[in-house]
C-alpha atoms as a PDB file:
ATOM      1  CA  UNK A   1       8.444  18.637 -61.830  1.00  0.00           C
ATOM      2  CA  UNK A   2      10.840  17.051 -64.322  1.00  0.00           C
ATOM      3  CA  UNK A   3      12.464  14.746 -61.782  1.00  0.00           C
ATOM      4  CA  UNK A   4      12.866  11.125 -62.784  1.00  0.00           C
ATOM      5  CA  UNK A   5      11.859   8.241 -60.529  1.00  0.00           C
ATOM      6  CA  UNK A   6      14.642   7.235 -58.152  1.00  0.00           C
ATOM      7  CA  UNK A   7      16.353  10.628 -58.031  1.00  0.00           C
ATOM      8  CA  UNK A   8      15.353  11.540 -54.501  1.00  0.00           C
ATOM      9  CA  UNK A   9      18.243  11.241 -51.998  1.00  0.00           C
ATOM     10  CA  UNK A  10      16.101   8.969 -49.793  1.00  0.00           C
ATOM     11  CA  UNK A  11      13.055   6.910 -50.661  1.00  0.00           C
ATOM     12  CA  UNK A  12       9.659   7.988 -49.371  1.00  0.00           C
ATOM     13  CA  UNK A  13       9.118   4.438 -48.084  1.00  0.00           C
ATOM     14  CA  UNK A  14      12.319   4.634 -46.010  1.00  0.00           C
ATOM     15  CA  UNK A  15      11.202   7.939 -44.494  1.00  0.00           C
ATOM     16  CA  UNK A  16       7.753   6.589 -43.613  1.00  0.00           C
ATOM     17  CA  UNK A  17       9.113   3.372 -42.133  1.00  0.00           C
ATOM     18  CA  UNK A  18      11.550   5.333 -39.939  1.00  0.00           C
ATOM     19  CA  UNK A  19       8.767   7.290 -38.209  1.00  0.00           C
ATOM     20  CA  UNK A  20       7.682   6.185 -34.736  1.00  0.00           C
ATOM     21  CA  UNK A  21       3.939   6.499 -34.166  1.00  0.00           C
ATOM     22  CA  UNK A  22       2.656   6.276 -30.585  1.00  0.00           C
ATOM     23  CA  UNK A  23      -1.006   6.099 -29.623  1.00  0.00           C
ATOM     24  CA  UNK A  24      -1.906   7.278 -26.123  1.00  0.00           C
ATOM     25  CA  UNK A  25      -5.418   7.104 -24.672  1.00  0.00           C
ATOM     26  CA  UNK A  26      -6.707   9.109 -21.713  1.00  0.00           C
ATOM     27  CA  UNK A  27      -9.343   7.510 -19.474  1.00  0.00           C
ATOM     28  CA  UNK A  28     -11.261   8.730 -16.444  1.00  0.00           C
ATOM     29  CA  UNK A  29     -14.547  10.227 -15.329  1.00  0.00           C
ATOM     30  CA  UNK A  30     -16.012  13.297 -16.979  1.00  0.00           C
ATOM     31  CA  UNK A  31     -14.449  16.567 -15.752  1.00  0.00           C
ATOM     32  CA  UNK A  32     -11.272  14.906 -14.422  1.00  0.00           C
ATOM     33  CA  UNK A  33      -9.228  17.106 -16.774  1.00  0.00           C
ATOM     34  CA  UNK A  34      -8.219  14.690 -19.556  1.00  0.00           C
ATOM     35  CA  UNK A  35      -8.914  17.194 -22.341  1.00  0.00           C
ATOM     36  CA  UNK A  36      -7.075  19.996 -20.537  1.00  0.00           C
ATOM     37  CA  UNK A  37      -4.014  17.807 -19.890  1.00  0.00           C
ATOM     38  CA  UNK A  38      -3.826  16.858 -23.569  1.00  0.00           C
ATOM     39  CA  UNK A  39      -4.438  20.440 -24.723  1.00  0.00           C
ATOM     40  CA  UNK A  40      -1.704  21.710 -22.408  1.00  0.00           C
ATOM     41  CA  UNK A  41       0.733  19.107 -23.735  1.00  0.00           C
ATOM     42  CA  UNK A  42      -0.106  19.711 -27.418  1.00  0.00           C
ATOM     43  CA  UNK A  43      -0.718  23.465 -27.422  1.00  0.00           C
ATOM     44  CA  UNK A  44       0.731  24.737 -24.119  1.00  0.00           C
ATOM     45  CA  UNK A  45      -2.587  26.351 -23.207  1.00  0.00           C
ATOM     46  CA  UNK A  46      -5.400  25.961 -20.706  1.00  0.00           C
ATOM     47  CA  UNK A  47      -9.112  26.628 -21.115  1.00  0.00           C
ATOM     48  CA  UNK A  48     -11.092  27.352 -17.957  1.00  0.00           C
ATOM     49  CA  UNK A  49     -14.367  26.797 -19.830  1.00  0.00           C
ATOM     50  CA  UNK A  50     -15.530  23.213 -19.308  1.00  0.00           C
ATOM     51  CA  UNK A  51     -16.972  21.502 -22.360  1.00  0.00           C
ATOM     52  CA  UNK A  52     -17.535  17.762 -21.887  1.00  0.00           C
ATOM     53  CA  UNK A  53     -15.961  15.563 -24.537  1.00  0.00           C
ATOM     54  CA  UNK A  54     -18.618  14.135 -26.830  1.00  0.00           C
ATOM     55  CA  UNK A  55     -17.503  10.618 -27.667  1.00  0.00           C
ATOM     56  CA  UNK A  56     -13.838  11.312 -28.323  1.00  0.00           C
ATOM     57  CA  UNK A  57     -11.416  14.180 -28.782  1.00  0.00           C
ATOM     58  CA  UNK A  58      -8.029  14.022 -30.442  1.00  0.00           C
ATOM     59  CA  UNK A  59      -4.644  15.693 -30.169  1.00  0.00           C
ATOM     60  CA  UNK A  60      -1.402  15.334 -32.091  1.00  0.00           C
ATOM     61  CA  UNK A  61       2.142  16.357 -31.276  1.00  0.00           C
ATOM     62  CA  UNK A  62       5.619  15.586 -32.526  1.00  0.00           C
ATOM     63  CA  UNK A  63       7.657  15.036 -29.358  1.00  0.00           C
ATOM     64  CA  UNK A  64      11.386  14.365 -29.162  1.00  0.00           C
ATOM     65  CA  UNK A  65      12.224  11.560 -26.733  1.00  0.00           C
ATOM     66  CA  UNK A  66      15.739  10.086 -26.483  1.00  0.00           C
ATOM     67  CA  UNK A  67      16.807  11.674 -29.798  1.00  0.00           C
ATOM     68  CA  UNK A  68      13.802  10.281 -31.674  1.00  0.00           C
ATOM     69  CA  UNK A  69      10.898  12.361 -32.932  1.00  0.00           C
ATOM     70  CA  UNK A  70       7.715  10.538 -32.005  1.00  0.00           C
ATOM     71  CA  UNK A  71       4.419  11.156 -33.799  1.00  0.00           C
ATOM     72  CA  UNK A  72       2.095  11.119 -30.794  1.00  0.00           C
ATOM     73  CA  UNK A  73      -1.623  10.562 -31.276  1.00  0.00           C
ATOM     74  CA  UNK A  74      -3.570  11.395 -28.110  1.00  0.00           C
ATOM     75  CA  UNK A  75      -7.089  10.030 -27.841  1.00  0.00           C
ATOM     76  CA  UNK A  76      -9.219  11.658 -25.157  1.00  0.00           C
ATOM     77  CA  UNK A  77     -12.026   9.173 -24.517  1.00  0.00           C
ATOM     78  CA  UNK A  78     -15.205  10.625 -23.032  1.00  0.00           C
ATOM     79  CA  UNK A  79     -15.747   9.761 -19.388  1.00  0.00           C
ATOM     80  CA  UNK A  80     -19.508   9.684 -19.813  1.00  0.00           C
ATOM     81  CA  UNK A  81     -20.872   6.158 -19.529  1.00  0.00           C
ATOM     82  CA  UNK A  82     -23.176   6.517 -22.548  1.00  0.00           C
ATOM     83  CA  UNK A  83     -20.079   6.588 -24.796  1.00  0.00           C
ATOM     84  CA  UNK A  84     -18.826   3.150 -23.721  1.00  0.00           C
ATOM     85  CA  UNK A  85     -19.526   1.706 -27.187  1.00  0.00           C
ATOM     86  CA  UNK A  86     -17.566   4.497 -28.882  1.00  0.00           C
ATOM     87  CA  UNK A  87     -14.646   3.979 -26.496  1.00  0.00           C
ATOM     88  CA  UNK A  88     -14.614   0.227 -27.092  1.00  0.00           C
ATOM     89  CA  UNK A  89     -13.728   0.832 -30.751  1.00  0.00           C
ATOM     90  CA  UNK A  90     -10.708   2.996 -29.928  1.00  0.00           C
ATOM     91  CA  UNK A  91      -8.566   0.794 -27.683  1.00  0.00           C
ATOM     92  CA  UNK A  92      -6.859  -1.086 -30.514  1.00  0.00           C
ATOM     93  CA  UNK A  93      -3.289  -0.158 -31.402  1.00  0.00           C
ATOM     94  CA  UNK A  94      -2.709   1.705 -28.138  1.00  0.00           C
ATOM     95  CA  UNK A  95       0.821   1.886 -26.700  1.00  0.00           C
ATOM     96  CA  UNK A  96       0.053   3.879 -23.526  1.00  0.00           C
ATOM     97  CA  UNK A  97      -2.858   4.758 -21.286  1.00  0.00           C
ATOM     98  CA  UNK A  98      -3.152   7.574 -18.765  1.00  0.00           C
ATOM     99  CA  UNK A  99      -5.781   7.038 -16.057  1.00  0.00           C
ATOM    100  CA  UNK A 100      -6.775  10.514 -14.909  1.00  0.00           C
ATOM    101  CA  UNK A 101      -8.593  11.508 -11.742  1.00  0.00           C
ATOM    102  CA  UNK A 102      -9.424  14.852 -10.138  1.00  0.00           C
ATOM    103  CA  UNK A 103      -7.861  15.169  -6.663  1.00  0.00           C
ATOM    104  CA  UNK A 104     -10.849  17.281  -5.544  1.00  0.00           C
ATOM    105  CA  UNK A 105     -13.385  14.622  -6.587  1.00  0.00           C
ATOM    106  CA  UNK A 106     -13.247  11.388  -4.621  1.00  0.00           C
ATOM    107  CA  UNK A 107     -15.640   9.635  -7.024  1.00  0.00           C
ATOM    108  CA  UNK A 108     -13.213  10.191  -9.914  1.00  0.00           C
ATOM    109  CA  UNK A 109     -10.520   8.408  -7.897  1.00  0.00           C
ATOM    110  CA  UNK A 110     -12.795   5.554  -6.832  1.00  0.00           C
ATOM    111  CA  UNK A 111     -13.811   4.985 -10.467  1.00  0.00           C
ATOM    112  CA  UNK A 112     -10.222   4.211 -11.582  1.00  0.00           C
ATOM    113  CA  UNK A 113     -10.882   0.500 -11.013  1.00  0.00           C
ATOM    114  CA  UNK A 114     -13.795   0.699 -13.471  1.00  0.00           C
ATOM    115  CA  UNK A 115     -11.565   2.317 -16.118  1.00  0.00           C
ATOM    116  CA  UNK A 116      -8.844  -0.293 -15.667  1.00  0.00           C
ATOM    117  CA  UNK A 117     -11.406  -3.070 -16.136  1.00  0.00           C
ATOM    118  CA  UNK A 118     -12.902  -1.405 -19.226  1.00  0.00           C
ATOM    119  CA  UNK A 119      -9.444  -1.054 -20.781  1.00  0.00           C
ATOM    120  CA  UNK A 120      -8.649  -4.720 -20.061  1.00  0.00           C
ATOM    121  CA  UNK A 121     -11.990  -5.817 -21.519  1.00  0.00           C
ATOM    122  CA  UNK A 122     -11.295  -4.075 -24.829  1.00  0.00           C
ATOM    123  CA  UNK A 123      -7.628  -4.986 -25.218  1.00  0.00           C
ATOM    124  CA  UNK A 124      -6.077  -1.881 -23.686  1.00  0.00           C
ATOM    125  CA  UNK A 125      -5.109  -3.565 -20.430  1.00  0.00           C
ATOM    126  CA  UNK A 126      -1.704  -4.822 -21.572  1.00  0.00           C
ATOM    127  CA  UNK A 127      -0.354  -1.394 -22.565  1.00  0.00           C
ATOM    128  CA  UNK A 128       1.876   0.887 -20.488  1.00  0.00           C
ATOM    129  CA  UNK A 129      -0.559   2.496 -18.031  1.00  0.00           C
ATOM    130  CA  UNK A 130      -0.016   5.251 -15.460  1.00  0.00           C
ATOM    131  CA  UNK A 131      -2.188   7.023 -12.893  1.00  0.00           C
ATOM    132  CA  UNK A 132      -2.422  10.809 -13.162  1.00  0.00           C
ATOM    133  CA  UNK A 133      -3.741  12.907 -10.269  1.00  0.00           C
ATOM    134  CA  UNK A 134      -4.914  16.180 -11.811  1.00  0.00           C
ATOM    135  CA  UNK A 135      -5.917  19.600 -10.434  1.00  0.00           C
ATOM    136  CA  UNK A 136      -3.230  19.671  -7.743  1.00  0.00           C
ATOM    137  CA  UNK A 137      -3.263  23.473  -8.068  1.00  0.00           C
ATOM    138  CA  UNK A 138      -6.640  23.617  -6.259  1.00  0.00           C
ATOM    139  CA  UNK A 139      -5.404  24.055  -2.704  1.00  0.00           C
ATOM    140  CA  UNK A 140      -7.602  23.257   0.293  1.00  0.00           C
ATOM    141  CA  UNK A 141     -10.148  21.193  -1.658  1.00  0.00           C
ATOM    142  CA  UNK A 142      -8.162  18.018  -2.057  1.00  0.00           C
ATOM    143  CA  UNK A 143     -10.352  14.964  -1.378  1.00  0.00           C
ATOM    144  CA  UNK A 144      -7.739  12.289  -2.200  1.00  0.00           C
ATOM    145  CA  UNK A 145      -4.320  12.438  -0.562  1.00  0.00           C
ATOM    146  CA  UNK A 146      -1.175  11.760  -2.524  1.00  0.00           C
ATOM    147  CA  UNK A 147      -0.350   8.948  -0.079  1.00  0.00           C
ATOM    148  CA  UNK A 148      -3.648   7.152  -0.726  1.00  0.00           C
ATOM    149  CA  UNK A 149      -3.361   7.519  -4.496  1.00  0.00           C
ATOM    150  CA  UNK A 150       0.275   6.390  -4.524  1.00  0.00           C
ATOM    151  CA  UNK A 151      -0.680   3.322  -2.472  1.00  0.00           C
ATOM    152  CA  UNK A 152      -3.516   2.445  -4.886  1.00  0.00           C
ATOM    153  CA  UNK A 153      -1.268   2.864  -7.942  1.00  0.00           C
ATOM    154  CA  UNK A 154       1.515   0.800  -6.345  1.00  0.00           C
ATOM    155  CA  UNK A 155      -0.959  -2.021  -5.572  1.00  0.00           C
ATOM    156  CA  UNK A 156      -1.789  -2.103  -9.294  1.00  0.00           C
ATOM    157  CA  UNK A 157       1.930  -1.813 -10.222  1.00  0.00           C
ATOM    158  CA  UNK A 158       1.276   1.516 -11.956  1.00  0.00           C
ATOM    159  CA  UNK A 159       3.482   4.611 -11.907  1.00  0.00           C
ATOM    160  CA  UNK A 160       1.876   7.669 -10.315  1.00  0.00           C
ATOM    161  CA  UNK A 161       2.065  11.322 -11.389  1.00  0.00           C
ATOM    162  CA  UNK A 162       0.596  14.565 -10.106  1.00  0.00           C
ATOM    163  CA  UNK A 163      -0.336  17.297 -12.591  1.00  0.00           C
ATOM    164  CA  UNK A 164      -2.066  20.625 -12.985  1.00  0.00           C
ATOM    165  CA  UNK A 165      -3.603  21.218 -16.398  1.00  0.00           C
ATOM    166  CA  UNK A 166      -4.041  24.858 -15.416  1.00  0.00           C
ATOM    167  CA  UNK A 167      -0.376  25.607 -14.628  1.00  0.00           C
ATOM    168  CA  UNK A 168       1.146  22.773 -16.646  1.00  0.00           C
ATOM    169  CA  UNK A 169       2.948  21.396 -13.591  1.00  0.00           C
ATOM    170  CA  UNK A 170       4.035  17.794 -14.095  1.00  0.00           C
ATOM    171  CA  UNK A 171       2.504  17.386 -17.566  1.00  0.00           C
ATOM    172  CA  UNK A 172       5.616  17.450 -19.755  1.00  0.00           C
ATOM    173  CA  UNK A 173       7.549  15.179 -17.386  1.00  0.00           C
ATOM    174  CA  UNK A 174       4.662  12.687 -17.238  1.00  0.00           C
ATOM    175  CA  UNK A 175       4.230  12.538 -21.017  1.00  0.00           C
ATOM    176  CA  UNK A 176       7.970  12.302 -21.720  1.00  0.00           C
ATOM    177  CA  UNK A 177       8.347   9.377 -19.316  1.00  0.00           C
ATOM    178  CA  UNK A 178       5.217   7.642 -20.632  1.00  0.00           C
ATOM    179  CA  UNK A 179       6.340   8.107 -24.234  1.00  0.00           C
ATOM    180  CA  UNK A 180       9.841   6.854 -23.489  1.00  0.00           C
ATOM    181  CA  UNK A 181       8.478   3.563 -22.125  1.00  0.00           C
ATOM    182  CA  UNK A 182       5.778   3.248 -24.802  1.00  0.00           C
ATOM    183  CA  UNK A 183       8.146   3.874 -27.702  1.00  0.00           C
ATOM    184  CA  UNK A 184      10.702   1.429 -26.292  1.00  0.00           C
ATOM    185  CA  UNK A 185       7.964  -1.209 -26.235  1.00  0.00           C
ATOM    186  CA  UNK A 186       7.145  -0.771 -29.916  1.00  0.00           C
ATOM    187  CA  UNK A 187       8.771  -3.573 -31.862  1.00  0.00           C
ATOM    188  CA  UNK A 188      11.453  -2.713 -34.406  1.00  0.00           C
ATOM    189  CA  UNK A 189       9.222  -4.168 -37.104  1.00  0.00           C
ATOM    190  CA  UNK A 190       6.578  -1.532 -36.384  1.00  0.00           C
ATOM    191  CA  UNK A 191       8.810   1.496 -35.988  1.00  0.00           C
ATOM    192  CA  UNK A 192      12.116   0.816 -37.645  1.00  0.00           C
ATOM    193  CA  UNK A 193      14.003   2.711 -34.919  1.00  0.00           C
ATOM    194  CA  UNK A 194      12.294   2.276 -31.544  1.00  0.00           C
ATOM    195  CA  UNK A 195      14.584   0.897 -28.919  1.00  0.00           C
ATOM    196  CA  UNK A 196      17.801   1.659 -30.835  1.00  0.00           C
END
């Protein structure tokens, strides 16, 4: 190209500094549905074939929230205990955390305390965190009532959501609300536009 320096209508640096980047991590036991929730949000699809996350999985989506296009990085951290060291490296720079449990698996609910403590230990405890009850589409096998889960979340001062990664129920609403709070919490120095 024969274009001279300074002839672009807007500088590349101005464009980059105007972008809002949001990092969201998903925590919870293996098979709670973290990967499926993220895949449904990013790709609007569901896979019935279970493949455990090895270490970490990643999703990306540009999502419009309050007239701003957010660059959303979604980190799906493996729920298997042997990947604790890998997870510990990925908490930095996080703006939001979704704690996911499977409503048909009581152990996944009872382990939420463990995940909260791990996040706090590695610097992810001060970020916007919500509780997500997944697999609400599985009727008749629910092992954790909404009332009990809501009470637990309220005791921790966490917002509570119910989702189905299979049908997509509740996923978009949950992410939009989480991203709205997370992006508002990003300082203007980091984003250039968050909170305006």
